[in-house]
Amino acid sequence: MTNVKDLRYRKNHELIKTSFIDLVKSKGYVKTTVSQIIAAAHINRSTFYVHFLDKEDLMAEIQTELLDDILVSLPALNLDNLMSNQRVEERIVQMSQNVYNNRTMLHLLMSSKGDPTFNQRLIQRAKTELFSSDIVTDIDIPQPYLAASMASLVVNLMLTWAQRDFQESPEEFAEIVKQIGPNFIKSIINRG
């Protein structure tokens, strides 16, 4: 009996997320209500609240899963291997492929119909995941400013790629990032 409940729970959970995403695509995040999600998913209100506190909680889960997918399996990076082009390139290529694999959801969340706070969440996550404090220990620039500038660079490049409807392949985008990113980081490190 537990397996049936678990399966039903997982199905309802996914149904709620799918219905929500469809509503965000058509109405936009701001205009989507819990009542609309419930109606679209054909569930009752209590079922929704078993899974999520509110639509913000639902959006937060979707964003966390998306960012986890993008950042999964990125090669470790620290100050020692930051100057290694191969390690940086591996990381850029893997991240570009992960972004491309999640392009539909990224495009939605970064669009005017998406969550207005998503870009800021993306920058914050990039600061903590991509630019950990051990990368910037020997630099005179305070770590929060350095991490913010590097995260903003990466996120703005991704945003531009999304706004261009991912016209470039992941490989082409990785080449663009490889030309801009490491030179930016190295110029800061060499000044430090």
N, C-alpha and C. Protein backbone atom coordinates (compact mmCIF):
# COMPACT_ATOMS: atom_id res chain seq x y z
N MET A 1 0.81 -1.20 0.00
CA MET A 1 0.00 0.00 0.00
C MET A 1 0.86 1.26 0.00
N THR A 2 1.98 1.21 0.70
CA THR A 2 2.87 2.36 0.76
C THR A 2 3.41 2.72 -0.62
N ASN A 3 3.76 1.69 -1.41
CA ASN A 3 4.29 1.95 -2.75
C ASN A 3 3.27 2.67 -3.63
N VAL A 4 1.99 2.28 -3.50
CA VAL A 4 0.94 2.95 -4.27
C VAL A 4 0.86 4.41 -3.85
N LYS A 5 0.90 4.66 -2.55
CA LYS A 5 0.86 6.04 -2.07
C LYS A 5 2.08 6.82 -2.54
N ASP A 6 3.24 6.18 -2.48
CA ASP A 6 4.45 6.86 -2.94
C ASP A 6 4.36 7.19 -4.42
N LEU A 7 3.87 6.25 -5.21
CA LEU A 7 3.72 6.48 -6.64
C LEU A 7 2.70 7.59 -6.89
N ARG A 8 1.59 7.55 -6.19
CA ARG A 8 0.56 8.58 -6.34
C ARG A 8 1.12 9.94 -5.92
N TYR A 9 1.88 9.96 -4.83
CA TYR A 9 2.48 11.20 -4.36
C TYR A 9 3.42 11.77 -5.42
N ARG A 10 4.29 10.92 -5.96
CA ARG A 10 5.24 11.39 -6.99
C ARG A 10 4.52 11.87 -8.24
N LYS A 11 3.47 11.14 -8.64
CA LYS A 11 2.71 11.55 -9.83
C LYS A 11 2.04 12.90 -9.59
N ASN A 12 1.42 13.07 -8.44
CA ASN A 12 0.79 14.36 -8.13
C ASN A 12 1.82 15.48 -8.06
N HIS A 13 2.96 15.19 -7.49
CA HIS A 13 4.03 16.18 -7.37
C HIS A 13 4.44 16.66 -8.77
N GLU A 14 4.68 15.71 -9.66
CA GLU A 14 5.08 16.06 -11.03
C GLU A 14 3.94 16.74 -11.78
N LEU A 15 2.71 16.29 -11.56
CA LEU A 15 1.55 16.89 -12.20
C LEU A 15 1.40 18.36 -11.79
N ILE A 16 1.60 18.64 -10.53
CA ILE A 16 1.52 20.02 -10.05
C ILE A 16 2.60 20.87 -10.73
N LYS A 17 3.82 20.35 -10.78
CA LYS A 17 4.91 21.11 -11.41
C LYS A 17 4.65 21.33 -12.90
N THR A 18 4.20 20.29 -13.59
CA THR A 18 3.92 20.41 -15.02
C THR A 18 2.80 21.42 -15.28
N SER A 19 1.73 21.33 -14.50
CA SER A 19 0.61 22.27 -14.64
C SER A 19 1.07 23.70 -14.38
N PHE A 20 1.88 23.87 -13.36
CA PHE A 20 2.41 25.19 -13.02
C PHE A 20 3.26 25.75 -14.16
N ILE A 21 4.15 24.94 -14.69
CA ILE A 21 5.01 25.40 -15.79
C ILE A 21 4.17 25.80 -17.00
N ASP A 22 3.15 25.00 -17.32
CA ASP A 22 2.27 25.34 -18.44
C ASP A 22 1.56 26.68 -18.20
N LEU A 23 1.12 26.90 -16.97
CA LEU A 23 0.47 28.18 -16.64
C LEU A 23 1.45 29.34 -16.73
N VAL A 24 2.66 29.14 -16.26
CA VAL A 24 3.67 30.21 -16.34
C VAL A 24 3.94 30.54 -17.81
N LYS A 25 4.01 29.53 -18.65
CA LYS A 25 4.22 29.77 -20.09
C LYS A 25 3.09 30.60 -20.69
N SER A 26 1.86 30.32 -20.29
CA SER A 26 0.73 31.02 -20.91
C SER A 26 0.37 32.34 -20.21
N LYS A 27 0.38 32.37 -18.89
CA LYS A 27 -0.06 33.55 -18.16
C LYS A 27 1.08 34.38 -17.57
N GLY A 28 2.20 33.73 -17.32
CA GLY A 28 3.30 34.38 -16.62
C GLY A 28 3.26 34.01 -15.15
N TYR A 29 4.42 34.03 -14.51
CA TYR A 29 4.53 33.63 -13.11
C TYR A 29 3.72 34.53 -12.19
N VAL A 30 3.83 35.82 -12.37
CA VAL A 30 3.18 36.78 -11.48
C VAL A 30 1.66 36.61 -11.51
N LYS A 31 1.10 36.33 -12.67
CA LYS A 31 -0.36 36.23 -12.81
C LYS A 31 -0.91 34.84 -12.49
N THR A 32 -0.04 33.87 -12.28
CA THR A 32 -0.49 32.51 -11.97
C THR A 32 -0.82 32.40 -10.49
N THR A 33 -1.96 31.80 -10.19
CA THR A 33 -2.39 31.64 -8.80
C THR A 33 -2.43 30.17 -8.42
N VAL A 34 -2.46 29.91 -7.13
CA VAL A 34 -2.58 28.54 -6.63
C VAL A 34 -3.90 27.94 -7.11
N SER A 35 -4.96 28.70 -7.12
CA SER A 35 -6.26 28.20 -7.60
C SER A 35 -6.17 27.73 -9.05
N GLN A 36 -5.46 28.47 -9.87
CA GLN A 36 -5.29 28.07 -11.27
C GLN A 36 -4.46 26.79 -11.38
N ILE A 37 -3.44 26.68 -10.55
CA ILE A 37 -2.60 25.47 -10.56
C ILE A 37 -3.45 24.26 -10.17
N ILE A 38 -4.26 24.41 -9.13
CA ILE A 38 -5.13 23.34 -8.65
C ILE A 38 -6.10 22.91 -9.75
N ALA A 39 -6.71 23.88 -10.42
CA ALA A 39 -7.67 23.57 -11.49
C ALA A 39 -6.97 22.88 -12.66
N ALA A 40 -5.81 23.37 -13.04
CA ALA A 40 -5.08 22.79 -14.18
C ALA A 40 -4.61 21.37 -13.88
N ALA A 41 -4.23 21.12 -12.64
CA ALA A 41 -3.74 19.79 -12.26
C ALA A 41 -4.87 18.83 -11.89
N HIS A 42 -6.09 19.35 -11.79
CA HIS A 42 -7.26 18.54 -11.41
C HIS A 42 -7.04 17.85 -10.07
N ILE A 43 -6.61 18.64 -9.10
CA ILE A 43 -6.40 18.15 -7.73
C ILE A 43 -7.15 19.06 -6.78
N ASN A 44 -7.26 18.65 -5.54
CA ASN A 44 -7.91 19.54 -4.58
C ASN A 44 -6.84 20.37 -3.86
N ARG A 45 -7.30 21.39 -3.19
CA ARG A 45 -6.40 22.34 -2.53
C ARG A 45 -5.51 21.64 -1.50
N SER A 46 -6.05 20.73 -0.74
CA SER A 46 -5.25 20.05 0.29
C SER A 46 -4.12 19.24 -0.33
N THR A 47 -4.36 18.66 -1.51
CA THR A 47 -3.29 17.92 -2.19
C THR A 47 -2.15 18.85 -2.57
N PHE A 48 -2.50 20.04 -3.07
CA PHE A 48 -1.45 21.00 -3.40
C PHE A 48 -0.61 21.31 -2.17
N TYR A 49 -1.29 21.59 -1.04
CA TYR A 49 -0.57 22.01 0.16
C TYR A 49 0.17 20.87 0.86
N VAL A 50 -0.12 19.64 0.51
CA VAL A 50 0.69 18.52 0.99
C VAL A 50 2.08 18.60 0.34
N HIS A 51 2.12 19.10 -0.88
CA HIS A 51 3.36 19.15 -1.65
C HIS A 51 4.11 20.47 -1.51
N PHE A 52 3.40 21.57 -1.47
CA PHE A 52 4.04 22.89 -1.49
C PHE A 52 3.34 23.86 -0.53
N LEU A 53 4.10 24.80 -0.01
CA LEU A 53 3.54 25.82 0.88
C LEU A 53 2.72 26.84 0.10
N ASP A 54 3.22 27.21 -1.08
CA ASP A 54 2.59 28.21 -1.93
C ASP A 54 3.27 28.16 -3.29
N LYS A 55 2.90 29.06 -4.18
CA LYS A 55 3.50 29.01 -5.52
C LYS A 55 4.98 29.39 -5.47
N GLU A 56 5.38 30.20 -4.50
CA GLU A 56 6.79 30.56 -4.37
C GLU A 56 7.63 29.34 -3.98
N ASP A 57 7.10 28.51 -3.12
CA ASP A 57 7.77 27.27 -2.73
C ASP A 57 7.90 26.34 -3.94
N LEU A 58 6.85 26.26 -4.73
CA LEU A 58 6.86 25.46 -5.96
C LEU A 58 7.91 25.99 -6.93
N MET A 59 7.94 27.29 -7.13
CA MET A 59 8.93 27.89 -8.03
C MET A 59 10.34 27.68 -7.50
N ALA A 60 10.52 27.80 -6.20
CA ALA A 60 11.85 27.60 -5.62
C ALA A 60 12.34 26.18 -5.87
N GLU A 61 11.46 25.19 -5.75
CA GLU A 61 11.87 23.80 -6.03
C GLU A 61 12.26 23.62 -7.48
N ILE A 62 11.48 24.18 -8.39
CA ILE A 62 11.78 24.07 -9.82
C ILE A 62 13.13 24.72 -10.11
N GLN A 63 13.37 25.89 -9.55
CA GLN A 63 14.64 26.58 -9.78
C GLN A 63 15.81 25.83 -9.18
N THR A 64 15.64 25.29 -7.99
CA THR A 64 16.72 24.52 -7.36
C THR A 64 17.07 23.30 -8.19
N GLU A 65 16.06 22.58 -8.66
CA GLU A 65 16.30 21.40 -9.50
C GLU A 65 17.02 21.80 -10.79
N LEU A 66 16.59 22.91 -11.38
CA LEU A 66 17.22 23.39 -12.61
C LEU A 66 18.68 23.73 -12.38
N LEU A 67 18.95 24.49 -11.33
CA LEU A 67 20.33 24.89 -11.05
C LEU A 67 21.19 23.69 -10.67
N ASP A 68 20.61 22.73 -9.97
CA ASP A 68 21.34 21.50 -9.67
C ASP A 68 21.72 20.77 -10.96
N ASP A 69 20.77 20.71 -11.91
CA ASP A 69 21.05 20.06 -13.20
C ASP A 69 22.17 20.76 -13.96
N ILE A 70 22.18 22.08 -13.90
CA ILE A 70 23.19 22.85 -14.63
C ILE A 70 24.57 22.69 -14.00
N LEU A 71 24.61 22.66 -12.68
CA LEU A 71 25.89 22.67 -11.98
C LEU A 71 26.41 21.27 -11.65
N VAL A 72 25.62 20.24 -11.93
CA VAL A 72 26.04 18.87 -11.62
C VAL A 72 27.26 18.50 -12.47
N SER A 73 28.12 17.78 -11.89
CA SER A 73 29.30 17.20 -12.56
C SER A 73 30.29 18.22 -13.11
N LEU A 74 30.26 19.45 -12.61
CA LEU A 74 31.28 20.40 -13.04
C LEU A 74 32.60 20.04 -12.37
N PRO A 75 33.69 20.02 -13.13
CA PRO A 75 34.99 19.72 -12.51
C PRO A 75 35.33 20.75 -11.44
N ALA A 76 35.96 20.31 -10.38
CA ALA A 76 36.34 21.20 -9.29
C ALA A 76 37.32 22.26 -9.80
N LEU A 77 37.22 23.43 -9.20
CA LEU A 77 38.08 24.54 -9.61
C LEU A 77 38.57 25.24 -8.35
N ASN A 78 39.89 25.45 -8.28
CA ASN A 78 40.45 26.22 -7.17
C ASN A 78 41.57 27.08 -7.73
N LEU A 79 42.22 27.84 -6.88
CA LEU A 79 43.23 28.79 -7.35
C LEU A 79 44.36 28.08 -8.08
N ASP A 80 44.75 26.89 -7.64
CA ASP A 80 45.84 26.17 -8.28
C ASP A 80 45.53 25.79 -9.72
N ASN A 81 44.30 25.30 -9.97
CA ASN A 81 44.00 24.89 -11.33
C ASN A 81 43.23 25.94 -12.13
N LEU A 82 42.97 27.10 -11.52
CA LEU A 82 42.30 28.18 -12.24
C LEU A 82 43.14 28.66 -13.41
N MET A 83 44.45 28.63 -13.24
CA MET A 83 45.34 29.07 -14.31
C MET A 83 45.55 27.99 -15.35
N SER A 84 45.04 26.79 -15.12
CA SER A 84 45.13 25.70 -16.08
C SER A 84 43.99 25.84 -17.08
N ASN A 85 44.33 26.17 -18.31
CA ASN A 85 43.31 26.35 -19.32
C ASN A 85 42.46 25.11 -19.52
N GLN A 86 43.08 23.93 -19.42
CA GLN A 86 42.34 22.70 -19.66
C GLN A 86 41.22 22.53 -18.63
N ARG A 87 41.52 22.76 -17.36
CA ARG A 87 40.53 22.59 -16.30
C ARG A 87 39.40 23.61 -16.45
N VAL A 88 39.74 24.85 -16.74
CA VAL A 88 38.74 25.89 -16.93
C VAL A 88 37.88 25.56 -18.15
N GLU A 89 38.51 25.11 -19.24
CA GLU A 89 37.76 24.76 -20.44
C GLU A 89 36.82 23.59 -20.20
N GLU A 90 37.26 22.59 -19.45
CA GLU A 90 36.38 21.45 -19.12
C GLU A 90 35.14 21.95 -18.40
N ARG A 91 35.35 22.84 -17.48
CA ARG A 91 34.24 23.38 -16.69
C ARG A 91 33.29 24.20 -17.57
N ILE A 92 33.83 25.01 -18.44
CA ILE A 92 33.02 25.85 -19.32
C ILE A 92 32.22 24.99 -20.29
N VAL A 93 32.86 23.99 -20.89
CA VAL A 93 32.18 23.12 -21.85
C VAL A 93 31.05 22.36 -21.16
N GLN A 94 31.33 21.79 -19.98
CA GLN A 94 30.31 21.03 -19.26
C GLN A 94 29.14 21.93 -18.86
N MET A 95 29.44 23.13 -18.35
CA MET A 95 28.37 24.04 -17.96
C MET A 95 27.55 24.46 -19.18
N SER A 96 28.20 24.74 -20.30
CA SER A 96 27.49 25.14 -21.51
C SER A 96 26.54 24.04 -21.97
N GLN A 97 27.01 22.80 -21.93
CA GLN A 97 26.16 21.67 -22.32
C GLN A 97 24.98 21.53 -21.36
N ASN A 98 25.24 21.68 -20.07
CA ASN A 98 24.17 21.58 -19.07
C ASN A 98 23.14 22.69 -19.25
N VAL A 99 23.60 23.90 -19.54
CA VAL A 99 22.68 25.02 -19.79
C VAL A 99 21.84 24.71 -21.02
N TYR A 100 22.48 24.24 -22.07
CA TYR A 100 21.77 23.94 -23.31
C TYR A 100 20.74 22.83 -23.10
N ASN A 101 21.10 21.82 -22.34
CA ASN A 101 20.17 20.72 -22.06
C ASN A 101 18.93 21.20 -21.31
N ASN A 102 19.06 22.29 -20.58
CA ASN A 102 17.96 22.85 -19.79
C ASN A 102 17.44 24.15 -20.38
N ARG A 103 17.70 24.37 -21.65
CA ARG A 103 17.43 25.66 -22.29
C ARG A 103 15.95 26.07 -22.26
N THR A 104 15.04 25.12 -22.41
CA THR A 104 13.62 25.47 -22.44
C THR A 104 13.19 26.09 -21.11
N MET A 105 13.56 25.44 -20.02
CA MET A 105 13.19 25.97 -18.70
C MET A 105 13.94 27.26 -18.40
N LEU A 106 15.22 27.31 -18.74
CA LEU A 106 16.00 28.54 -18.51
C LEU A 106 15.39 29.71 -19.28
N HIS A 107 15.06 29.46 -20.52
CA HIS A 107 14.49 30.52 -21.35
C HIS A 107 13.19 31.03 -20.73
N LEU A 108 12.35 30.13 -20.24
CA LEU A 108 11.10 30.53 -19.60
C LEU A 108 11.36 31.35 -18.35
N LEU A 109 12.24 30.87 -17.49
CA LEU A 109 12.48 31.56 -16.22
C LEU A 109 13.17 32.90 -16.41
N MET A 110 13.97 33.04 -17.46
CA MET A 110 14.67 34.29 -17.71
C MET A 110 13.82 35.27 -18.52
N SER A 111 12.69 34.80 -19.03
CA SER A 111 11.84 35.65 -19.86
C SER A 111 10.97 36.55 -18.98
N SER A 112 10.22 37.43 -19.62
CA SER A 112 9.32 38.33 -18.88
C SER A 112 8.19 37.56 -18.20
N LYS A 113 7.91 36.34 -18.63
CA LYS A 113 6.88 35.53 -17.99
C LYS A 113 7.40 34.76 -16.78
N GLY A 114 8.70 34.70 -16.63
CA GLY A 114 9.30 33.94 -15.55
C GLY A 114 9.29 34.68 -14.22
N ASP A 115 9.97 34.10 -13.27
CA ASP A 115 10.09 34.69 -11.93
C ASP A 115 11.05 35.87 -11.99
N PRO A 116 10.59 37.07 -11.62
CA PRO A 116 11.46 38.24 -11.69
C PRO A 116 12.71 38.12 -10.81
N THR A 117 12.68 37.25 -9.82
CA THR A 117 13.84 37.10 -8.93
C THR A 117 14.81 36.01 -9.39
N PHE A 118 14.50 35.33 -10.49
CA PHE A 118 15.32 34.19 -10.91
C PHE A 118 16.76 34.59 -11.22
N ASN A 119 16.94 35.66 -11.97
CA ASN A 119 18.31 36.05 -12.33
C ASN A 119 19.15 36.31 -11.09
N GLN A 120 18.56 36.94 -10.08
CA GLN A 120 19.30 37.20 -8.84
C GLN A 120 19.63 35.89 -8.12
N ARG A 121 18.67 34.95 -8.12
CA ARG A 121 18.94 33.64 -7.51
C ARG A 121 20.05 32.91 -8.26
N LEU A 122 20.03 33.05 -9.57
CA LEU A 122 21.05 32.41 -10.40
C LEU A 122 22.43 32.99 -10.08
N ILE A 123 22.51 34.30 -9.96
CA ILE A 123 23.78 34.95 -9.61
C ILE A 123 24.24 34.49 -8.24
N GLN A 124 23.32 34.45 -7.28
CA GLN A 124 23.69 34.03 -5.92
C GLN A 124 24.19 32.59 -5.91
N ARG A 125 23.52 31.72 -6.63
CA ARG A 125 23.94 30.31 -6.68
C ARG A 125 25.29 30.19 -7.39
N ALA A 126 25.49 30.97 -8.45
CA ALA A 126 26.77 30.94 -9.14
C ALA A 126 27.89 31.41 -8.23
N LYS A 127 27.62 32.41 -7.40
CA LYS A 127 28.64 32.88 -6.46
C LYS A 127 29.04 31.77 -5.50
N THR A 128 28.08 31.03 -4.99
CA THR A 128 28.41 30.01 -4.00
C THR A 128 28.94 28.73 -4.63
N GLU A 129 28.46 28.36 -5.80
CA GLU A 129 28.85 27.09 -6.42
C GLU A 129 30.08 27.20 -7.31
N LEU A 130 30.12 28.24 -8.11
CA LEU A 130 31.18 28.34 -9.11
C LEU A 130 32.43 29.03 -8.59
N PHE A 131 32.26 29.91 -7.62
CA PHE A 131 33.39 30.71 -7.17
C PHE A 131 33.53 30.61 -5.66
N SER A 132 33.94 29.46 -5.21
CA SER A 132 34.09 29.24 -3.77
C SER A 132 35.26 30.05 -3.24
N SER A 133 35.29 30.24 -1.94
CA SER A 133 36.29 31.12 -1.33
C SER A 133 37.72 30.63 -1.52
N ASP A 134 37.93 29.32 -1.73
CA ASP A 134 39.30 28.84 -1.89
C ASP A 134 39.91 29.25 -3.23
N ILE A 135 39.09 29.75 -4.15
CA ILE A 135 39.61 30.21 -5.43
C ILE A 135 40.29 31.56 -5.27
N VAL A 136 39.82 32.36 -4.36
CA VAL A 136 40.22 33.76 -4.32
C VAL A 136 40.99 34.13 -3.06
N THR A 137 41.67 33.21 -2.44
CA THR A 137 42.34 33.49 -1.17
C THR A 137 43.54 34.41 -1.31
N ASP A 138 44.25 34.38 -2.41
CA ASP A 138 45.48 35.15 -2.55
C ASP A 138 45.30 36.45 -3.34
N ILE A 139 44.12 36.97 -3.37
CA ILE A 139 43.83 38.16 -4.15
C ILE A 139 43.44 39.29 -3.21
N ASP A 140 43.91 40.50 -3.52
CA ASP A 140 43.66 41.66 -2.66
C ASP A 140 42.20 42.13 -2.70
N ILE A 141 41.49 41.81 -3.75
CA ILE A 141 40.09 42.23 -3.87
C ILE A 141 39.27 41.41 -2.88
N PRO A 142 38.41 42.05 -2.09
CA PRO A 142 37.58 41.28 -1.15
C PRO A 142 36.74 40.23 -1.90
N GLN A 143 36.71 39.03 -1.34
CA GLN A 143 36.06 37.89 -1.97
C GLN A 143 34.62 38.16 -2.42
N PRO A 144 33.79 38.83 -1.62
CA PRO A 144 32.41 39.04 -2.07
C PRO A 144 32.31 39.83 -3.38
N TYR A 145 33.21 40.81 -3.56
CA TYR A 145 33.18 41.61 -4.79
C TYR A 145 33.70 40.81 -5.99
N LEU A 146 34.74 40.05 -5.76
CA LEU A 146 35.29 39.24 -6.84
C LEU A 146 34.30 38.18 -7.28
N ALA A 147 33.70 37.48 -6.31
CA ALA A 147 32.72 36.44 -6.63
C ALA A 147 31.51 37.05 -7.34
N ALA A 148 31.07 38.22 -6.89
CA ALA A 148 29.92 38.88 -7.51
C ALA A 148 30.22 39.25 -8.95
N SER A 149 31.41 39.77 -9.21
CA SER A 149 31.74 40.17 -10.58
C SER A 149 31.87 38.96 -11.50
N MET A 150 32.49 37.89 -11.01
CA MET A 150 32.65 36.69 -11.85
C MET A 150 31.30 36.02 -12.08
N ALA A 151 30.47 35.93 -11.05
CA ALA A 151 29.15 35.31 -11.20
C ALA A 151 28.28 36.12 -12.15
N SER A 152 28.33 37.44 -12.02
CA SER A 152 27.54 38.30 -12.91
C SER A 152 27.97 38.14 -14.36
N LEU A 153 29.26 38.01 -14.58
CA LEU A 153 29.76 37.81 -15.94
C LEU A 153 29.18 36.53 -16.53
N VAL A 154 29.28 35.44 -15.81
CA VAL A 154 28.79 34.15 -16.30
C VAL A 154 27.27 34.19 -16.52
N VAL A 155 26.54 34.73 -15.56
CA VAL A 155 25.08 34.77 -15.66
C VAL A 155 24.64 35.68 -16.81
N ASN A 156 25.30 36.82 -16.99
CA ASN A 156 24.94 37.72 -18.09
C ASN A 156 25.24 37.11 -19.45
N LEU A 157 26.31 36.34 -19.55
CA LEU A 157 26.57 35.63 -20.80
C LEU A 157 25.47 34.60 -21.06
N MET A 158 25.07 33.87 -20.03
CA MET A 158 23.98 32.90 -20.19
C MET A 158 22.67 33.59 -20.56
N LEU A 159 22.39 34.72 -19.92
CA LEU A 159 21.17 35.48 -20.21
C LEU A 159 21.16 35.94 -21.66
N THR A 160 22.28 36.43 -22.14
CA THR A 160 22.38 36.86 -23.53
C THR A 160 22.15 35.69 -24.47
N TRP A 161 22.72 34.54 -24.15
CA TRP A 161 22.52 33.33 -24.96
C TRP A 161 21.03 32.96 -24.99
N ALA A 162 20.38 33.02 -23.84
CA ALA A 162 18.94 32.70 -23.76
C ALA A 162 18.12 33.71 -24.55
N GLN A 163 18.46 35.00 -24.43
CA GLN A 163 17.73 36.04 -25.15
C GLN A 163 17.88 35.88 -26.66
N ARG A 164 18.98 35.30 -27.08
CA ARG A 164 19.21 35.03 -28.50
C ARG A 164 18.64 33.67 -28.91
N ASP A 165 17.78 33.11 -28.05
CA ASP A 165 17.14 31.82 -28.29
C ASP A 165 18.14 30.71 -28.57
N PHE A 166 19.27 30.76 -27.87
CA PHE A 166 20.29 29.71 -27.95
C PHE A 166 20.69 29.43 -29.40
N GLN A 167 20.91 30.53 -30.15
CA GLN A 167 21.31 30.40 -31.55
C GLN A 167 22.63 29.66 -31.70
N GLU A 168 23.54 29.89 -30.78
CA GLU A 168 24.83 29.20 -30.83
C GLU A 168 24.68 27.82 -30.21
N SER A 169 25.44 26.88 -30.72
CA SER A 169 25.47 25.54 -30.13
C SER A 169 26.20 25.63 -28.79
N PRO A 170 26.08 24.60 -27.95
CA PRO A 170 26.83 24.63 -26.69
C PRO A 170 28.34 24.79 -26.92
N GLU A 171 28.84 24.18 -27.98
CA GLU A 171 30.27 24.28 -28.28
C GLU A 171 30.65 25.71 -28.66
N GLU A 172 29.81 26.36 -29.48
CA GLU A 172 30.07 27.74 -29.87
C GLU A 172 29.97 28.68 -28.67
N PHE A 173 28.97 28.45 -27.83
CA PHE A 173 28.83 29.28 -26.63
C PHE A 173 30.02 29.08 -25.70
N ALA A 174 30.46 27.84 -25.56
CA ALA A 174 31.62 27.55 -24.71
C ALA A 174 32.84 28.31 -25.23
N GLU A 175 33.01 28.38 -26.53
CA GLU A 175 34.14 29.13 -27.11
C GLU A 175 34.05 30.61 -26.76
N ILE A 176 32.84 31.16 -26.80
CA ILE A 176 32.65 32.57 -26.44
C ILE A 176 33.04 32.78 -24.98
N VAL A 177 32.53 31.91 -24.11
CA VAL A 177 32.84 32.03 -22.68
C VAL A 177 34.33 31.84 -22.45
N LYS A 178 34.95 30.90 -23.17
CA LYS A 178 36.39 30.65 -23.01
C LYS A 178 37.21 31.87 -23.42
N GLN A 179 36.73 32.63 -24.38
CA GLN A 179 37.45 33.83 -24.80
C GLN A 179 37.29 34.97 -23.80
N ILE A 180 36.12 35.07 -23.20
CA ILE A 180 35.84 36.19 -22.30
C ILE A 180 36.19 35.87 -20.85
N GLY A 181 35.67 34.77 -20.34
CA GLY A 181 35.76 34.44 -18.91
C GLY A 181 37.16 34.33 -18.35
N PRO A 182 37.96 33.39 -18.86
CA PRO A 182 39.30 33.21 -18.27
C PRO A 182 40.17 34.47 -18.36
N ASN A 183 40.06 35.21 -19.45
CA ASN A 183 40.84 36.44 -19.57
C ASN A 183 40.42 37.46 -18.51
N PHE A 184 39.13 37.53 -18.25
CA PHE A 184 38.61 38.42 -17.21
C PHE A 184 39.15 38.00 -15.85
N ILE A 185 39.04 36.72 -15.54
CA ILE A 185 39.49 36.20 -14.24
C ILE A 185 41.00 36.35 -14.09
N LYS A 186 41.75 35.99 -15.13
CA LYS A 186 43.21 36.09 -15.06
C LYS A 186 43.67 37.53 -14.90
N SER A 187 42.96 38.47 -15.55
CA SER A 187 43.37 39.88 -15.41
C SER A 187 43.18 40.35 -13.97
N ILE A 188 42.16 39.86 -13.31
CA ILE A 188 41.94 40.22 -11.91
C ILE A 188 42.98 39.56 -11.02
N ILE A 189 43.24 38.28 -11.25
CA ILE A 189 44.21 37.55 -10.43
C ILE A 189 45.60 38.13 -10.60
N ASN A 190 45.98 38.46 -11.81
CA ASN A 190 47.32 39.00 -12.06
C ASN A 190 47.50 40.38 -11.43
N ARG A 191 46.43 41.09 -11.19
CA ARG A 191 46.52 42.40 -10.53
C ARG A 191 46.59 42.25 -9.02
N GLY A 192 46.08 41.07 -8.52
CA GLY A 192 45.98 40.85 -7.08
C GLY A 192 47.29 40.64 -6.42
